[in-house]
Protein backbone atom coordinates (compact mmCIF):
# COMPACT_ATOMS: atom_id res chain seq x y z
CA UNK A 1 -8.81 13.00 13.34
CA UNK A 2 -5.83 15.36 13.53
CA UNK A 3 -2.62 14.17 11.88
CA UNK A 4 0.17 15.75 9.87
CA UNK A 5 -0.05 14.64 6.25
CA UNK A 6 3.42 15.81 5.23
CA UNK A 7 6.36 15.93 7.65
CA UNK A 8 9.37 18.27 7.70
CA UNK A 9 11.36 15.83 5.57
CA UNK A 10 8.81 16.34 2.80
CA UNK A 11 9.73 20.01 2.49
CA UNK A 12 10.88 20.72 -1.05
CA UNK A 13 9.32 17.52 -2.36
CA UNK A 14 7.06 17.44 -5.40
CA UNK A 15 3.72 15.80 -4.65
CA UNK A 16 0.70 14.95 -6.78
CA UNK A 17 -2.63 13.50 -5.72
CA UNK A 18 -6.38 13.46 -6.25
CA UNK A 19 -9.16 15.32 -4.48
CA UNK A 20 -12.92 14.99 -4.81
CA UNK A 21 -13.97 18.37 -6.15
CA UNK A 22 -17.66 19.12 -5.47
CA UNK A 23 -17.60 22.04 -7.93
CA UNK A 24 -17.20 19.58 -10.82
CA UNK A 25 -18.81 16.52 -9.23
CA UNK A 26 -15.67 14.47 -9.72
CA UNK A 27 -11.94 14.12 -9.04
CA UNK A 28 -9.30 16.78 -9.60
CA UNK A 29 -5.56 16.24 -10.01
CA UNK A 30 -3.68 18.29 -7.45
CA UNK A 31 -0.23 19.28 -6.29
CA UNK A 32 0.82 20.93 -3.01
CA UNK A 33 2.32 24.42 -2.87
CA UNK A 34 2.86 26.38 0.34
CA UNK A 35 0.38 24.14 2.22
CA UNK A 36 -2.27 24.82 -0.41
CA UNK A 37 -3.82 22.07 -2.54
CA UNK A 38 -3.69 23.26 -6.15
CA UNK A 39 -5.98 21.88 -8.87
CA UNK A 40 -3.85 21.20 -12.00
CA UNK A 41 -6.47 19.26 -13.99
CA UNK A 42 -6.58 20.18 -17.68
CA UNK A 43 -7.36 18.75 -21.11
CA UNK A 44 -3.65 17.94 -21.34
CA UNK A 45 -3.71 15.87 -18.16
CA UNK A 46 -7.16 14.86 -16.99
CA UNK A 47 -6.06 11.69 -15.17
CA UNK A 48 -3.18 10.66 -12.93
CA UNK A 49 -2.38 7.94 -15.46
CA UNK A 50 -1.92 10.55 -18.20
CA UNK A 51 0.11 12.81 -15.93
CA UNK A 52 2.65 10.07 -15.12
CA UNK A 53 3.10 9.39 -18.84
CA UNK A 54 4.57 12.84 -19.51
CA UNK A 55 8.31 12.80 -20.29
CA UNK A 56 8.55 16.29 -18.75
CA UNK A 57 6.61 15.25 -15.64
CA UNK A 58 8.61 17.14 -13.01
CA UNK A 59 8.88 20.37 -14.99
CA UNK A 60 5.22 20.17 -15.97
CA UNK A 61 3.96 19.83 -12.40
CA UNK A 62 6.24 22.59 -11.13
CA UNK A 63 4.98 25.05 -13.73
CA UNK A 64 1.33 23.95 -14.02
CA UNK A 65 -1.20 26.69 -13.42
CA UNK A 66 -4.18 26.05 -11.18
CA UNK A 67 -6.37 27.37 -8.42
CA UNK A 68 -6.33 26.41 -4.76
CA UNK A 69 -9.02 24.00 -3.58
CA UNK A 70 -8.16 24.80 0.03
CA UNK A 71 -5.51 24.42 2.71
CA UNK A 72 -3.88 21.02 3.13
CA UNK A 73 -5.02 20.54 6.71
CA UNK A 74 -8.50 21.86 5.98
CA UNK A 75 -9.10 19.27 3.27
CA UNK A 76 -7.61 16.61 5.54
CA UNK A 77 -10.07 17.54 8.27
CA UNK A 78 -12.94 16.81 5.85
CA UNK A 79 -11.42 13.52 4.66
CA UNK A 80 -11.87 11.50 7.84
CA UNK A 81 -14.74 9.06 8.22
CA UNK A 82 -17.76 10.31 6.29
CA UNK A 83 -16.74 13.52 4.45
CA UNK A 84 -19.01 16.47 3.82
CA UNK A 85 -19.44 15.98 0.07
CA UNK A 86 -20.07 19.69 -0.46
CA UNK A 87 -16.39 20.30 0.33
CA UNK A 88 -13.19 18.77 -1.10
CA UNK A 89 -11.72 15.62 0.41
CA UNK A 90 -8.75 13.40 -0.43
CA UNK A 91 -8.96 10.39 -2.71
CA UNK A 92 -6.32 7.77 -3.41
CA UNK A 93 -3.69 9.35 -5.73
CA UNK A 94 -4.37 6.82 -8.49
CA UNK A 95 -7.08 6.41 -11.11
CA UNK A 96 -6.72 4.28 -14.27
CA UNK A 97 -3.62 2.40 -13.13
CA UNK A 98 -3.83 -1.28 -12.26
CA UNK A 99 -3.23 -1.96 -8.56
CA UNK A 100 -0.60 -4.69 -8.27
CA UNK A 101 1.19 -6.03 -5.21
CA UNK A 102 4.25 -8.12 -4.48
CA UNK A 103 4.03 -10.63 -1.65
CA UNK A 104 6.68 -12.23 0.54
CA UNK A 105 9.43 -9.83 -0.53
CA UNK A 106 11.07 -9.80 2.91
CA UNK A 107 12.61 -13.09 4.03
CA UNK A 108 11.79 -12.37 7.67
CA UNK A 109 8.08 -11.79 7.03
CA UNK A 110 8.10 -14.88 4.80
CA UNK A 111 8.37 -16.95 7.96
CA UNK A 112 5.06 -15.53 9.18
CA UNK A 113 3.44 -16.59 5.91
CA UNK A 114 4.83 -20.12 6.42
CA UNK A 115 3.43 -20.07 9.95
CA UNK A 116 0.00 -18.93 8.70
CA UNK A 117 -0.06 -21.81 6.25
CA UNK A 118 1.15 -24.44 8.73
CA UNK A 119 -1.36 -23.17 11.30
CA UNK A 120 -4.09 -23.40 8.64
CA UNK A 121 -5.30 -19.96 9.67
CA UNK A 122 -5.60 -20.95 13.35
CA UNK A 123 -3.79 -18.45 15.65
CA UNK A 124 -3.78 -21.00 18.51
CA UNK A 125 -1.16 -23.07 16.67
CA UNK A 126 0.98 -20.16 15.47
CA UNK A 127 3.19 -19.68 18.56
CA UNK A 128 4.47 -23.26 18.64
CA UNK A 129 5.21 -23.30 14.92
CA UNK A 130 6.97 -19.91 15.17
CA UNK A 131 9.25 -21.22 17.93
CA UNK A 132 10.13 -24.32 15.91
CA UNK A 133 11.00 -22.37 12.78
CA UNK A 134 13.03 -19.78 14.71
CA UNK A 135 15.05 -22.53 16.39
CA UNK A 136 15.69 -24.18 13.03
CA UNK A 137 17.01 -21.20 11.06
CA UNK A 138 18.14 -18.77 13.77
CA UNK A 139 19.51 -15.57 12.24
CA UNK A 140 20.11 -16.99 8.78
CA UNK A 141 17.47 -14.69 7.28
CA UNK A 142 19.46 -11.54 7.95
CA UNK A 143 20.28 -9.81 4.65
CA UNK A 144 19.13 -12.86 2.69
CA UNK A 145 18.62 -12.11 -1.02
CA UNK A 146 15.99 -14.02 -2.97
CA UNK A 147 17.39 -16.35 -5.60
CA UNK A 148 20.88 -16.42 -4.06
CA UNK A 149 22.83 -19.58 -3.10
CA UNK A 150 22.37 -18.72 0.59
CA UNK A 151 18.61 -18.47 0.05
CA UNK A 152 18.63 -21.90 -1.59
CA UNK A 153 20.37 -23.36 1.48
CA UNK A 154 17.75 -21.91 3.85
CA UNK A 155 15.00 -23.26 1.63
CA UNK A 156 16.51 -26.76 1.63
CA UNK A 157 16.97 -26.70 5.42
CA UNK A 158 13.30 -25.88 5.93
CA UNK A 159 12.19 -28.53 3.44
CA UNK A 160 14.37 -31.13 5.20
CA UNK A 161 12.54 -30.37 8.45
CA UNK A 162 9.15 -30.88 6.85
CA UNK A 163 8.53 -27.13 6.64
CA UNK A 164 8.14 -26.88 2.88
CA UNK A 165 5.75 -24.13 1.85
CA UNK A 166 4.77 -22.44 -1.39
CA UNK A 167 5.78 -19.22 0.38
CA UNK A 168 9.39 -20.41 0.40
CA UNK A 169 9.36 -20.53 -3.38
CA UNK A 170 8.24 -16.93 -3.87
CA UNK A 171 9.96 -15.65 -0.71
CA UNK A 172 13.51 -16.75 -1.45
CA UNK A 173 13.31 -18.37 -4.91
CA UNK A 174 14.01 -16.62 -8.25
CA UNK A 175 10.41 -15.64 -9.06
CA UNK A 176 8.50 -12.95 -7.19
CA UNK A 177 4.85 -13.19 -6.22
CA UNK A 178 2.93 -10.48 -8.08
CA UNK A 179 -0.85 -10.33 -7.76
CA UNK A 180 -3.69 -7.92 -8.44
CA UNK A 181 -4.53 -6.23 -5.16
CA UNK A 182 -7.65 -4.30 -6.13
CA UNK A 183 -9.73 -3.22 -9.14
CA UNK A 184 -9.00 0.05 -10.93
CA UNK A 185 -10.35 3.05 -9.00
CA UNK A 186 -11.33 1.01 -5.91
CA UNK A 187 -8.50 2.17 -3.62
CA UNK A 188 -9.29 4.55 -0.78
CA UNK A 189 -7.16 7.47 0.34
CA UNK A 190 -6.07 9.38 3.40
CA UNK A 191 -8.63 9.49 6.22
CA UNK A 192 -11.02 6.94 4.71
CA UNK A 193 -12.24 3.77 6.40
CA UNK A 194 -10.44 0.57 5.43
CA UNK A 195 -12.33 -2.68 5.31
CA UNK A 196 -12.01 -6.20 6.69
CA UNK A 197 -14.10 -8.99 5.18
CA UNK A 198 -16.72 -9.90 7.83
CA UNK A 199 -15.63 -13.58 7.91
CA UNK A 200 -12.15 -12.72 9.20
CA UNK A 201 -11.11 -12.91 12.86
CA UNK A 202 -7.29 -12.84 12.39
CA UNK A 203 -6.00 -9.92 10.33
CA UNK A 204 -3.51 -7.08 10.25
CA UNK A 205 -2.36 -3.95 8.44
CA UNK A 206 0.58 -4.14 6.04
CA UNK A 207 2.57 -0.89 5.78
CA UNK A 208 4.22 -0.68 2.38
CA UNK A 209 5.88 1.57 -0.17
CA UNK A 210 3.84 1.76 -3.37
CA UNK A 211 5.61 2.63 -6.62
CA UNK A 212 3.89 4.67 -9.32
CA UNK A 213 4.94 3.18 -12.67
CA UNK A 214 3.89 4.35 -16.13
CA UNK A 215 3.15 2.30 -19.25
CA UNK A 216 6.84 2.27 -20.23
CA UNK A 217 7.80 0.62 -16.96
CA UNK A 218 9.37 3.85 -15.66
CA UNK A 219 9.14 4.46 -11.91
CA UNK A 220 7.83 8.02 -11.56
CA UNK A 221 7.22 8.24 -7.83
CA UNK A 222 6.25 6.55 -4.58
CA UNK A 223 3.45 6.64 -2.04
CA UNK A 224 2.49 4.87 1.18
CA UNK A 225 0.04 1.99 1.19
CA UNK A 226 -1.86 -0.33 3.48
CA UNK A 227 -2.26 -3.79 1.92
CA UNK A 228 -4.91 -4.89 4.42
CA UNK A 229 -4.41 -8.61 5.06
CA UNK A 230 -6.66 -11.41 6.34
CA UNK A 231 -4.25 -13.90 7.92
CA UNK A 232 -6.85 -16.55 8.66
CA UNK A 233 -8.32 -16.56 5.15
CA UNK A 234 -5.00 -16.72 3.30
CA UNK A 235 -3.67 -19.16 5.90
CA UNK A 236 -6.43 -21.65 5.11
CA UNK A 237 -5.35 -21.74 1.48
CA UNK A 238 -3.17 -19.57 -0.75
CA UNK A 239 -5.89 -20.04 -3.37
CA UNK A 240 -8.02 -17.75 -1.21
CA UNK A 241 -5.59 -14.87 -1.80
CA UNK A 242 -8.23 -12.95 -3.76
CA UNK A 243 -10.70 -13.16 -0.87
CA UNK A 244 -7.98 -12.30 1.63
CA UNK A 245 -6.77 -9.24 -0.27
CA UNK A 246 -9.53 -7.79 -2.46
CA UNK A 247 -12.58 -6.55 -0.58
CA UNK A 248 -14.44 -3.27 -0.35
CA UNK A 249 -12.05 -0.57 0.96
CA UNK A 250 -9.28 -3.11 1.62
CA UNK A 251 -6.64 -1.10 -0.30
CA UNK A 252 -5.42 2.28 0.89
CA UNK A 253 -2.86 4.50 -0.89
CA UNK A 254 -1.72 8.03 -0.05
CA UNK A 255 -1.60 10.70 0.99
CA UNK A 256 0.14 11.67 -2.28
CA UNK A 257 2.61 10.33 -4.81
CA UNK A 258 6.02 11.92 -4.27
CA UNK A 259 7.60 12.28 -7.69
CA UNK A 260 11.18 11.21 -8.27
CA UNK A 261 13.37 14.27 -8.76
CA UNK A 262 16.64 15.75 -7.52
CA UNK A 263 15.38 15.69 -3.91
CA UNK A 264 13.96 12.16 -3.91
CA UNK A 265 15.35 9.29 -5.95
CA UNK A 266 15.07 5.52 -6.05
CA UNK A 267 17.82 5.15 -3.46
CA UNK A 268 15.56 7.06 -1.06
CA UNK A 269 12.93 4.39 -1.68
CA UNK A 270 15.48 1.61 -1.12
CA UNK A 271 16.45 3.08 2.26
CA UNK A 272 12.99 4.16 3.40
CA UNK A 273 11.90 3.42 6.97
CA UNK A 274 8.18 2.93 7.57
CA UNK A 275 6.60 3.33 10.98
CA UNK A 276 3.26 1.82 11.91
CA UNK A 277 1.01 2.73 14.81
CA UNK A 278 -2.31 1.06 15.52
CA UNK A 279 -4.45 2.66 18.22
CA UNK A 280 -7.53 0.80 19.39
CA UNK A 281 -10.66 2.10 21.03
CA UNK A 282 -9.82 -0.37 23.81
CA UNK A 283 -6.59 1.52 24.60
CA UNK A 284 -4.36 -1.03 22.88
CA UNK A 285 -1.41 0.45 20.98
CA UNK A 286 0.78 -1.45 18.55
CA UNK A 287 4.01 -0.08 17.09
CA UNK A 288 5.80 -1.65 14.16
CA UNK A 289 8.41 -0.85 11.54
CA UNK A 290 9.33 -1.96 8.04
CA UNK A 291 12.79 -1.20 6.70
CA UNK A 292 13.15 -1.24 2.93
CA UNK A 293 16.87 -1.92 3.33
CA UNK A 294 15.95 -5.47 4.35
CA UNK A 295 13.92 -6.26 1.24
CA UNK A 296 14.97 -9.48 -0.49
CA UNK A 297 14.36 -8.16 -3.99
CA UNK A 298 15.30 -4.77 -5.43
CA UNK A 299 12.33 -2.57 -6.41
CA UNK A 300 13.56 -2.41 -10.02
CA UNK A 301 13.58 -6.21 -10.17
CA UNK A 302 9.99 -6.30 -8.91
CA UNK A 303 8.96 -3.82 -11.61
CA UNK A 304 10.72 -5.91 -14.27
CA UNK A 305 8.94 -9.04 -13.07
CA UNK A 306 5.60 -7.21 -13.22
CA UNK A 307 5.79 -5.64 -16.67
CA UNK A 308 7.72 -6.04 -19.89
CA UNK A 309 7.37 -8.08 -23.07
CA UNK A 310 5.44 -10.65 -21.05
CA UNK A 311 2.83 -8.20 -19.67
CA UNK A 312 1.90 -4.63 -20.57
CA UNK A 313 -0.02 -1.96 -18.64
CA UNK A 314 -1.10 0.76 -21.08
CA UNK A 315 -2.42 2.96 -18.25
CA UNK A 316 0.48 2.23 -15.92
CA UNK A 317 0.27 0.55 -12.54
CA UNK A 318 0.82 1.02 -8.82
CA UNK A 319 3.01 -1.62 -7.23
CA UNK A 320 2.97 -2.50 -3.53
CA UNK A 321 6.49 -3.67 -2.63
CA UNK A 322 5.65 -5.84 0.38
CA UNK A 323 6.37 -5.40 4.06
CA UNK A 324 8.79 -6.54 6.73
CA UNK A 325 6.10 -6.05 9.36
CA UNK A 326 4.44 -9.18 10.76
CA UNK A 327 2.61 -8.53 14.06
CA UNK A 328 3.17 -11.08 16.81
CA UNK A 329 2.33 -8.98 19.88
CA UNK A 330 -0.55 -10.50 21.82
CA UNK A 331 -3.62 -8.31 21.99
CA UNK A 332 -6.13 -10.26 24.09
CA UNK A 333 -5.25 -13.92 24.43
CA UNK A 334 -1.69 -15.20 25.12
CA UNK A 335 0.01 -16.77 22.09
CA UNK A 336 -2.69 -15.62 19.67
CA UNK A 337 -0.84 -12.50 18.53
CA UNK A 338 -2.39 -9.39 17.05
CA UNK A 339 -5.64 -8.94 15.20
CA UNK A 340 -7.61 -5.81 14.36
CA UNK A 341 -10.65 -4.60 16.24
CA UNK A 342 -13.28 -2.39 14.68
CA UNK A 343 -12.41 1.26 15.23
CA UNK A 344 -8.63 0.77 15.16
CA UNK A 345 -6.84 3.80 13.74
CA UNK A 346 -3.90 2.80 11.55
CA UNK A 347 -1.16 5.36 10.91
CA UNK A 348 1.61 4.52 8.44
CA UNK A 349 4.36 7.12 8.11
CA UNK A 350 7.75 7.53 6.49
CA UNK A 351 10.02 10.60 6.48
CA UNK A 352 9.59 12.43 3.20
CA UNK A 353 6.39 10.61 2.22
CA UNK A 354 4.20 11.82 5.07
CA UNK A 355 1.52 9.76 6.78
CA UNK A 356 -1.39 7.59 5.68
CA UNK A 357 -4.16 7.35 8.27
CA UNK A 358 -7.27 5.15 8.09
CA UNK A 359 -9.87 3.70 10.45
CA UNK A 360 -10.72 -0.01 10.43
CA UNK A 361 -14.29 -1.15 9.73
CA UNK A 362 -15.94 -4.21 8.26
CA UNK A 363 -15.97 -4.06 4.46
CA UNK A 364 -19.76 -4.23 4.43
CA UNK A 365 -19.88 -1.21 6.77
CA UNK A 366 -17.52 0.93 4.66
CA UNK A 367 -19.03 3.25 2.05
CA UNK A 368 -19.77 1.14 -1.05
CA UNK A 369 -17.56 1.66 -4.08
CA UNK A 370 -19.72 3.28 -6.74
CA UNK A 371 -17.45 5.58 -8.78
CA UNK A 372 -15.84 3.31 -11.36
CA UNK A 373 -14.26 3.72 -14.79
CA UNK A 374 -17.56 4.43 -16.52
CA UNK A 375 -18.45 7.14 -14.00
CA UNK A 376 -15.00 8.73 -14.35
CA UNK A 377 -15.21 8.81 -18.16
CA UNK A 378 -18.71 10.28 -18.04
CA UNK A 379 -17.58 12.95 -15.58
CA UNK A 380 -14.49 13.90 -17.60
CA UNK A 381 -16.58 14.08 -20.79
CA UNK A 382 -19.15 16.32 -19.09
CA UNK A 383 -16.31 18.62 -18.02
CA UNK A 384 -14.96 18.78 -21.58
CA UNK A 385 -11.71 17.04 -20.61
CA UNK A 386 -11.93 14.17 -23.10
């Protein structure tokens, strides 16, 4: 797999991540300098969680001493599929942080969630329901802000037509949907396989911005993420959200966290454009986009709804912001839309954040998750970092 991790727009950016380091039998914290991946792990900062807590984060990373673990592209080449564990490979740039996600944060993609629910997870019914909803509301979703009077009008119009859905409440009502996407340390990184639960036959990638937030609720940086989604499972019942979202290798984050600094601020996140490309072994190619400028809730509002006096995260958290992308392009059968096939390569990219590339497998065929919190603590203790 040959892809560019960091694009030209990333030049001058400050990036941090994690690499499996075979010399220590565990993960190393890294930054990128002159296309070299530099190990900056120390007793001062042994985890990504601890690093993002530092008040002097930007200055610390810029001045941190460390040795090169290898060239950026060389480590990337060993990160695809099944890595050679005697050489470094990329991990998700997150360790002790909780992995949280916001759903239905784009009014336009909210409609696809309503369709999933009304179709009860059956793609055969989706096209007719989509046409009915589109006729009903037309372009009234453009620039719609959740919780606004205009949003309330759209909600009432849909309810009047018998199209009430719990997704309307979180999509355009005052309260955001925030859920736990994956357990601590279970996310996969650049080049790894991503997993679909074997019961699913209707599913899709979800290209998203992922905020890195510390225990004080401060946004320290952003990464790319794939919130792998099972449309049929969640469509059958929203109470199956856990099964639809949390499976082995179903959460991907990377390639790095770009820290907020003078070259990259929160307004850059608000205006980010994400491109998606899915390439199948059958020759099928799907292109999609997600524009953060169309989000119905500001990222700072989503952070406030996630943490505060009502909920604390002492190790910080990563927050998926949701996606505008909802695939409707038919892949095989007319009117059944898109679904993944095993072997699909998913590339999510955004200028300044680079690209996140993964290959789709069944969750039971992905490498099992074995390195948890206990293993991390034991490894750090053995290395004298605790």
